């Protein structure tokens, strides 16, 4: 077995993931090869150090702040989605009422009706999107106090 293959198996050997045949091949190679044996020993030391390490548990206050932050972001995100949907529906309904006579007129071609409603829908979505973006930009504007 070559060095590269053994080096790939060293970690698996330490983790107990090798079958008996692979284990024996690695052990035979380690007896003959000082380079791989050194890497094997270093991996053993590394595994030992890692097994003794413990993750520091965050304090209760840190967890509370984290979850509060997550909930606030979720609530705000859902709130903005609902607000946007509501604004789109109301504006679209208002726009529809403006062109209702054209839409209900039987002599108006279907393609014209679809075009008018598409333009109206697109305009409403763009308007709500633009307003929402402007609200976010103003709130996060870093250089408000600086004159342009």
Protein backbone atom coordinates (compact mmCIF):
# COMPACT_ATOMS: atom_id res chain seq x y z
CA UNK A 1 0.00 0.00 0.00
CA UNK A 2 1.38 3.44 -0.82
CA UNK A 3 1.93 6.34 1.57
CA UNK A 4 -0.99 8.41 0.32
CA UNK A 5 -3.48 5.58 0.83
CA UNK A 6 -2.13 4.92 4.34
CA UNK A 7 -2.32 8.63 5.20
CA UNK A 8 -5.97 8.60 4.13
CA UNK A 9 -6.65 5.58 6.38
CA UNK A 10 -4.86 6.87 9.51
CA UNK A 11 -7.81 8.94 10.70
CA UNK A 12 -10.20 6.06 10.02
CA UNK A 13 -7.88 3.75 11.97
CA UNK A 14 -8.02 6.04 15.01
CA UNK A 15 -11.80 6.26 14.71
CA UNK A 16 -12.13 2.45 14.57
CA UNK A 17 -13.73 2.52 11.11
CA UNK A 18 -11.42 0.02 9.37
CA UNK A 19 -12.07 -3.67 8.88
CA UNK A 20 -9.47 -6.17 10.11
CA UNK A 21 -7.69 -6.54 6.75
CA UNK A 22 -7.28 -2.78 6.37
CA UNK A 23 -6.15 -2.47 9.98
CA UNK A 24 -3.44 -5.09 9.51
CA UNK A 25 -2.20 -3.44 6.28
CA UNK A 26 -1.95 -0.08 8.03
CA UNK A 27 -0.12 -1.61 11.02
CA UNK A 28 2.36 -3.43 8.74
CA UNK A 29 3.05 -0.26 6.81
CA UNK A 30 3.51 1.75 10.00
CA UNK A 31 6.17 -0.73 11.19
CA UNK A 32 8.17 -0.14 8.00
CA UNK A 33 7.58 3.58 7.32
CA UNK A 34 8.82 6.22 9.81
CA UNK A 35 7.04 9.05 7.93
CA UNK A 36 3.61 7.43 8.19
CA UNK A 37 4.32 6.29 11.77
CA UNK A 38 5.09 9.89 12.74
CA UNK A 39 1.84 11.08 11.16
CA UNK A 40 -0.01 8.24 12.94
CA UNK A 41 1.42 9.32 16.31
CA UNK A 42 0.60 12.98 15.65
CA UNK A 43 -2.95 12.02 14.75
CA UNK A 44 -3.16 10.04 17.99
CA UNK A 45 -2.04 13.07 20.00
CA UNK A 46 -4.51 15.23 18.14
CA UNK A 47 -7.35 12.78 18.84
CA UNK A 48 -6.39 12.73 22.52
CA UNK A 49 -6.39 16.53 22.79
CA UNK A 50 -9.69 16.75 20.94
CA UNK A 51 -11.32 14.19 23.23
CA UNK A 52 -10.39 16.27 26.27
CA UNK A 53 -11.80 19.51 24.86
CA UNK A 54 -15.21 20.74 25.92
CA UNK A 55 -17.32 23.37 24.30
CA UNK A 56 -18.06 26.30 26.52
CA UNK A 57 -21.80 26.61 27.08
CA UNK A 58 -23.22 30.09 26.58
CA UNK A 59 -24.91 31.81 29.47
CA UNK A 60 -28.70 31.93 29.70
CA UNK A 61 -28.70 35.64 28.84
CA UNK A 62 -26.86 34.97 25.60
CA UNK A 63 -29.41 32.33 24.57
CA UNK A 64 -32.29 34.64 25.48
CA UNK A 65 -30.83 37.46 23.37
CA UNK A 66 -30.27 35.05 20.49
CA UNK A 67 -33.81 33.67 20.47
CA UNK A 68 -35.34 37.13 20.97
CA UNK A 69 -33.38 38.32 17.97
CA UNK A 70 -34.50 35.35 15.86
CA UNK A 71 -38.14 35.82 16.81
CA UNK A 72 -38.00 39.56 16.14
CA UNK A 73 -36.51 39.01 12.68
CA UNK A 74 -39.10 36.33 11.88
CA UNK A 75 -41.98 38.47 13.13
CA UNK A 76 -40.78 41.50 11.19
CA UNK A 77 -40.23 39.45 8.06
CA UNK A 78 -43.71 37.95 8.25
CA UNK A 79 -45.15 41.36 9.06
CA UNK A 80 -43.56 42.91 5.98
CA UNK A 81 -44.77 40.07 3.80
CA UNK A 82 -48.34 40.43 5.05
CA UNK A 83 -48.17 44.22 4.76
CA UNK A 84 -46.88 43.95 1.17
CA UNK A 85 -49.57 41.45 0.19
CA UNK A 86 -52.28 43.61 1.74
CA UNK A 87 -51.00 46.76 0.03
CA UNK A 88 -50.81 44.97 -3.32
CA UNK A 89 -54.38 43.68 -2.98
CA UNK A 90 -55.79 47.06 -1.96
CA UNK A 91 -53.94 49.01 -4.62
CA UNK A 92 -54.81 46.48 -7.29
CA UNK A 93 -58.47 46.59 -6.27
CA UNK A 94 -58.44 50.39 -6.40
CA UNK A 95 -56.78 50.34 -9.81
CA UNK A 96 -59.25 47.75 -11.03
CA UNK A 97 -62.15 49.95 -9.94
CA UNK A 98 -60.64 52.78 -12.04
CA UNK A 99 -60.58 50.65 -15.21
CA UNK A 100 -63.59 48.50 -14.36
CA UNK A 101 -65.69 50.07 -17.13
CA UNK A 102 -63.12 49.11 -19.77
CA UNK A 103 -62.68 45.59 -18.38
CA UNK A 104 -66.42 44.88 -18.22
CA UNK A 105 -67.15 46.30 -21.65
CA UNK A 106 -67.95 43.35 -23.91
CA UNK A 107 -66.62 45.12 -27.00
CA UNK A 108 -63.10 45.49 -25.51
CA UNK A 109 -60.80 42.72 -26.84
CA UNK A 110 -59.59 40.14 -24.29
CA UNK A 111 -55.93 40.84 -25.04
CA UNK A 112 -56.43 44.52 -24.15
CA UNK A 113 -58.12 43.55 -20.88
CA UNK A 114 -55.22 41.21 -20.02
CA UNK A 115 -52.72 43.92 -20.93
CA UNK A 116 -54.41 46.52 -18.76
CA UNK A 117 -54.62 44.16 -15.77
CA UNK A 118 -50.98 43.09 -16.24
CA UNK A 119 -49.78 46.68 -16.32
CA UNK A 120 -51.90 47.49 -13.30
CA UNK A 121 -50.59 44.45 -11.37
CA UNK A 122 -46.98 45.19 -12.29
CA UNK A 123 -47.35 48.84 -11.33
CA UNK A 124 -48.81 47.95 -7.96
CA UNK A 125 -46.07 45.40 -7.16
CA UNK A 126 -43.33 47.83 -8.24
CA UNK A 127 -44.87 50.65 -6.20
CA UNK A 128 -45.09 48.55 -3.03
CA UNK A 129 -41.56 47.23 -3.58
CA UNK A 130 -40.17 50.73 -4.12
CA UNK A 131 -41.89 52.11 -1.03
CA UNK A 132 -40.68 49.22 1.11
CA UNK A 133 -37.13 49.63 -0.16
CA UNK A 134 -37.19 53.37 0.55
CA UNK A 135 -38.34 52.70 4.12
CA UNK A 136 -35.47 50.26 4.66
CA UNK A 137 -32.88 52.58 3.11
CA UNK A 138 -33.95 55.55 5.20
CA UNK A 139 -33.87 53.53 8.38
CA UNK A 140 -30.40 52.16 7.67
CA UNK A 141 -28.89 55.27 6.12
CA UNK A 142 -25.49 55.67 7.78
CA UNK A 143 -24.71 59.12 6.48
CA UNK A 144 -27.96 60.99 7.25
CA UNK A 145 -26.20 63.82 9.01
CA UNK A 146 -23.63 64.41 6.26
CA UNK A 147 -24.49 67.05 3.70
CA UNK A 148 -24.23 65.98 0.09
